[in-house]
Amino acid sequence: MEESEPTPKHQIGSQTSAGFPSPADDHLELPLDLNLFLIKNRPATFFLRVKGEAMLSSGIHDGDILIVDKSVTASHGKVVVAAVDGELVVRRFQNSDGQASLIADDASKSIVLNDNDAVEIWGVATSVVHHL
């Protein structure tokens, strides 16, 4: 009796069908890891759940999860997480003519910073996750 060559192994995740092959078999990939797509600097990144609607026009809704990177420098136009007088806020950093501000999409919630404010930028928002 002759020996036959072993049957080739399929890629991880694919299966042999007893009927028609699945069209999805052509698109099998490794498991999806959102960390690879959303986090650039893992040790400097944290998640924060948003409370409030000050940044709705920027696509940041109440209950969303904000991905924040502490290693990114806050610069004009970036969305930042800042502690202002002990309260955490999510605002767009603006620096024009030496005057720093934390701008909300809802203008009534914007904060013009002065020397007396106790402000600490915790990090720059890099992504937001919310339900549809």
Protein backbone atom coordinates (compact mmCIF):
# COMPACT_ATOMS: atom_id res chain seq x y z
CA MET A 1 0.00 0.00 0.00
CA GLU A 2 1.37 3.41 -0.93
CA GLU A 3 1.57 6.20 1.57
CA SER A 4 -0.33 9.35 0.69
CA GLU A 5 0.88 12.85 1.44
CA PRO A 6 -0.64 14.40 4.54
CA THR A 7 -3.59 16.71 4.02
CA PRO A 8 -2.46 20.36 4.25
CA LYS A 9 -3.44 22.15 7.43
CA HIS A 10 -5.93 24.99 7.13
CA GLN A 11 -5.24 28.42 8.57
CA ILE A 12 -6.33 29.04 12.13
CA GLY A 13 -10.05 29.66 12.24
CA SER A 14 -11.01 28.10 8.92
CA GLN A 15 -13.07 24.95 8.78
CA THR A 16 -13.87 22.36 6.16
CA SER A 17 -17.50 22.40 5.14
CA ALA A 18 -19.51 19.29 4.33
CA GLY A 19 -21.58 21.33 1.89
CA PHE A 20 -20.70 24.55 0.14
CA PRO A 21 -17.65 26.46 1.40
CA SER A 22 -18.39 29.59 3.38
CA PRO A 23 -17.64 32.89 1.56
CA ALA A 24 -16.42 34.18 4.93
CA ASP A 25 -13.48 31.74 4.83
CA ASP A 26 -11.70 34.10 2.43
CA HIS A 27 -11.79 36.85 5.06
CA LEU A 28 -10.61 35.07 8.19
CA GLU A 29 -8.07 37.00 10.18
CA LEU A 30 -6.57 36.96 13.63
CA PRO A 31 -8.81 38.15 16.45
CA LEU A 32 -9.49 41.88 16.39
CA ASP A 33 -7.58 43.81 19.05
CA LEU A 34 -8.72 47.43 19.32
CA ASN A 35 -5.66 48.22 21.43
CA LEU A 36 -3.55 47.90 18.28
CA PHE A 37 -5.70 50.48 16.47
CA LEU A 38 -6.49 52.94 19.26
CA ILE A 39 -3.50 53.01 21.61
CA LYS A 40 -0.11 54.31 20.53
CA ASN A 41 1.62 54.48 23.92
CA ARG A 42 0.14 51.90 26.27
CA PRO A 43 1.90 52.95 29.51
CA ALA A 44 0.79 56.58 29.03
CA THR A 45 -2.82 55.84 28.03
CA PHE A 46 -5.91 55.76 30.19
CA PHE A 47 -9.68 55.58 29.63
CA LEU A 48 -12.16 58.09 30.96
CA ARG A 49 -15.95 57.97 30.86
CA VAL A 50 -17.41 61.29 29.76
CA LYS A 51 -20.16 62.95 31.76
CA GLY A 52 -22.01 65.86 30.19
CA GLU A 53 -22.68 67.29 26.76
CA ALA A 54 -20.18 70.15 26.45
CA MET A 55 -18.41 68.54 23.45
CA LEU A 56 -21.31 67.13 21.40
CA SER A 57 -20.34 68.82 18.12
CA SER A 58 -16.93 67.17 18.39
CA GLY A 59 -18.58 63.75 18.55
CA ILE A 60 -18.06 63.31 22.29
CA HIS A 61 -21.32 62.33 24.01
CA ASP A 62 -22.43 61.76 27.58
CA GLY A 63 -21.39 58.22 28.58
CA ASP A 64 -18.70 57.85 25.89
CA ILE A 65 -15.30 56.38 26.70
CA LEU A 66 -12.45 58.73 25.91
CA ILE A 67 -9.00 57.32 25.20
CA VAL A 68 -6.44 59.75 26.58
CA ASP A 69 -2.67 59.75 26.02
CA LYS A 70 -0.59 61.52 28.69
CA SER A 71 2.51 61.51 26.46
CA VAL A 72 0.96 63.71 23.74
CA THR A 73 1.64 67.42 24.18
CA ALA A 74 -1.42 69.63 24.42
CA SER A 75 -1.37 72.01 21.48
CA HIS A 76 -3.78 74.44 19.87
CA GLY A 77 -6.91 72.64 18.68
CA LYS A 78 -6.37 69.34 20.52
CA VAL A 79 -9.09 67.92 22.77
CA VAL A 80 -7.64 67.61 26.26
CA VAL A 81 -8.60 66.33 29.67
CA ALA A 82 -7.73 68.96 32.25
CA ALA A 83 -8.16 69.38 35.97
CA VAL A 84 -9.38 72.93 36.56
CA ASP A 85 -9.62 73.88 40.23
CA GLY A 86 -9.99 70.19 41.09
CA GLU A 87 -12.69 69.39 38.50
CA LEU A 88 -11.95 67.25 35.43
CA VAL A 89 -13.14 68.72 32.13
CA VAL A 90 -12.91 67.69 28.48
CA ARG A 91 -12.33 70.72 26.25
CA ARG A 92 -10.49 71.84 23.13
CA PHE A 93 -7.20 73.56 24.03
CA GLN A 94 -6.78 76.98 22.48
CA ASN A 95 -3.76 79.24 22.78
CA SER A 96 -3.92 82.49 20.90
CA ASP A 97 -1.85 85.60 21.62
CA GLY A 98 -0.56 84.07 24.84
CA GLN A 99 -4.07 83.55 26.23
CA ALA A 100 -4.90 79.91 26.95
CA SER A 101 -8.50 78.73 26.95
CA LEU A 102 -10.38 75.46 27.21
CA ILE A 103 -13.12 75.74 24.60
CA ALA A 104 -16.34 73.73 24.77
CA ASP A 105 -18.64 73.14 21.81
CA ASP A 106 -21.29 74.66 24.09
CA ALA A 107 -19.73 78.14 24.33
CA SER A 108 -21.26 78.78 27.75
CA LYS A 109 -19.04 76.01 29.17
CA SER A 110 -15.74 77.36 27.80
CA ILE A 111 -13.06 78.36 30.29
CA VAL A 112 -10.64 81.27 29.78
CA LEU A 113 -7.61 80.50 31.90
CA ASN A 114 -5.79 83.03 34.02
CA ASP A 115 -2.79 82.92 36.32
CA ASN A 116 -4.96 82.27 39.37
CA ASP A 117 -6.48 79.06 37.98
CA ALA A 118 -5.13 75.77 39.24
CA VAL A 119 -4.93 73.90 35.91
CA GLU A 120 -3.25 70.62 35.07
CA ILE A 121 -3.50 69.01 31.62
CA TRP A 122 -3.86 65.28 32.20
CA GLY A 123 -3.55 64.29 28.56
CA VAL A 124 -4.77 64.60 24.99
CA ALA A 125 -7.81 62.65 23.78
CA THR A 126 -6.85 60.43 20.86
CA SER A 127 -10.10 58.51 20.30
CA VAL A 128 -13.64 58.25 21.55
CA VAL A 129 -15.78 55.13 21.80
CA HIS A 130 -19.56 55.43 21.86
CA HIS A 131 -22.60 53.34 21.09
CA LEU A 132 -24.71 54.05 18.04
